[in-house]
Protein backbone atom coordinates (compact mmCIF):
# COMPACT_ATOMS: atom_id res chain seq x y z
CA MET A 1 14.39 8.20 4.77
CA THR A 2 11.26 9.73 6.18
CA ASP A 3 9.65 10.76 8.84
CA ILE A 4 6.88 8.44 8.96
CA THR A 5 7.07 4.84 8.03
CA ALA A 6 4.99 3.40 5.18
CA ALA A 7 3.42 1.40 8.19
CA ALA A 8 2.28 4.25 10.05
CA LEU A 9 1.38 6.58 6.87
CA ALA A 10 -1.03 3.43 5.38
CA PRO A 11 -3.82 3.77 7.82
CA ARG A 12 -3.63 7.52 7.68
CA ILE A 13 -4.26 7.38 3.78
CA ASP A 14 -7.17 4.71 4.42
CA LEU A 15 -8.90 7.58 6.43
CA ALA A 16 -8.35 10.15 3.96
CA VAL A 17 -9.58 8.13 1.11
CA THR A 18 -12.74 7.11 2.78
CA ALA A 19 -13.33 10.62 4.02
CA THR A 20 -13.18 12.01 0.11
CA GLU A 21 -16.51 12.69 -1.44
CA GLY A 22 -17.68 10.12 -3.94
CA VAL A 23 -15.63 7.20 -2.71
CA ARG A 24 -18.46 4.52 -2.11
CA GLU A 25 -15.98 1.80 -1.07
CA MET A 26 -12.19 1.28 -0.57
CA TYR A 27 -10.61 -2.02 -1.36
CA SER A 28 -7.36 -3.62 -0.62
CA ALA A 29 -4.58 -2.36 -2.93
CA ARG A 30 -1.97 -4.77 -1.12
CA PRO A 31 -1.19 -8.36 -2.19
CA VAL A 32 -3.54 -11.01 -0.31
CA VAL A 33 -0.90 -12.89 1.37
CA ALA A 34 0.77 -9.51 2.92
CA ARG A 35 -2.87 -8.63 4.13
CA ALA A 36 -3.56 -12.14 5.61
CA ILE A 37 -0.48 -12.01 7.56
CA GLU A 38 -0.62 -8.47 8.64
CA HIS A 39 -4.13 -9.48 9.93
CA VAL A 40 -2.84 -12.45 11.87
CA VAL A 41 -0.33 -10.34 13.50
CA ASP A 42 -1.84 -7.28 13.92
CA GLY A 43 -5.87 -8.20 13.84
CA GLU A 44 -6.03 -4.68 11.44
CA GLY A 45 -4.82 -3.93 8.18
CA ALA A 46 -4.09 -0.96 6.00
CA LEU A 47 -6.00 -1.23 2.66
CA ALA A 48 -3.49 1.26 0.95
CA ALA A 49 -0.37 0.13 -0.29
CA VAL A 50 2.53 2.34 0.60
CA ASP A 51 6.27 1.27 -0.79
CA ASP A 52 9.51 3.09 0.21
CA ALA A 53 12.48 2.36 -2.28
CA ASP A 54 15.24 4.44 -3.66
CA ASP A 55 14.25 7.71 -1.88
CA ALA A 56 10.99 7.91 -3.23
CA ARG A 57 7.48 6.51 -1.92
CA SER A 58 4.87 4.72 -4.13
CA ILE A 59 1.37 4.79 -2.98
CA THR A 60 -1.78 2.93 -4.39
CA VAL A 61 -5.25 3.07 -3.49
CA CYS A 62 -8.11 1.33 -4.85
CA ILE A 63 -11.78 2.75 -4.84
CA GLY A 64 -15.25 2.31 -5.79
CA VAL A 65 -17.14 4.83 -7.12
CA SER A 66 -21.03 5.44 -8.17
CA THR A 67 -22.03 5.49 -11.56
CA GLN A 68 -23.75 8.66 -10.62
CA ASP A 69 -20.19 10.40 -9.78
CA ASP A 70 -17.53 11.89 -12.20
CA THR A 71 -14.90 8.78 -11.82
CA VAL A 72 -12.08 11.32 -12.74
CA ALA A 73 -12.96 13.86 -10.44
CA VAL A 74 -13.40 11.68 -7.42
CA ALA A 75 -10.25 9.88 -8.28
CA SER A 76 -8.09 13.14 -8.69
CA ALA A 77 -9.79 14.31 -5.20
CA VAL A 78 -8.43 10.98 -3.74
CA ALA A 79 -4.96 11.69 -5.27
CA ALA A 80 -4.82 15.08 -3.46
CA ALA A 81 -6.19 13.66 -0.19
CA VAL A 82 -3.50 11.13 -0.30
CA ARG A 83 -0.65 13.45 -0.95
CA GLY A 84 -2.03 15.79 2.05
CA THR A 85 -1.48 12.79 4.41
CA ASP A 86 2.43 12.85 4.00
CA GLU A 87 4.18 15.74 5.34
CA THR A 88 7.52 14.71 4.20
CA THR A 89 9.52 16.09 1.45
CA VAL A 90 9.85 12.30 0.05
CA PRO A 91 8.90 12.48 -3.52
CA ALA A 92 5.64 10.28 -3.96
CA THR A 93 3.84 8.75 -7.08
CA VAL A 94 0.14 8.09 -6.13
CA ARG A 95 -1.77 5.62 -8.04
CA VAL A 96 -5.61 5.54 -7.62
CA ARG A 97 -7.26 2.57 -9.13
CA VAL A 98 -11.29 2.52 -9.87
CA ALA A 99 -11.60 -0.98 -8.95
CA ARG A 100 -15.19 -1.32 -9.78
CA LEU A 101 -18.39 0.88 -10.34
CA VAL A 102 -20.78 0.60 -7.57
CA ALA A 103 -24.38 1.03 -8.77
CA PRO A 104 -26.39 3.63 -6.87
CA ALA A 105 -28.56 2.45 -3.92
CA SER A 106 -32.38 1.97 -5.20
């Protein structure tokens, strides 16, 4: 269906999200059980959730944003960065969840 698998795309997405200005933290968007199994098998695990179904791709990421940053602008920048990681023509839905606001360092 795609040139790049969901498993191969997820780490790319993690890098793009963490490189986006305004993102203070990235949290797992994947179920705990799936991450635990992958961690045992691989030793690593992507935080982004990437699912392929019915000739479409669904991507979900969870981020933490400082109270000093514009949450909507950061989430929009993250969505654009995520879309830029997938060079295929498969339609993708990108969800950016702001899991919590991180207080600025004092």
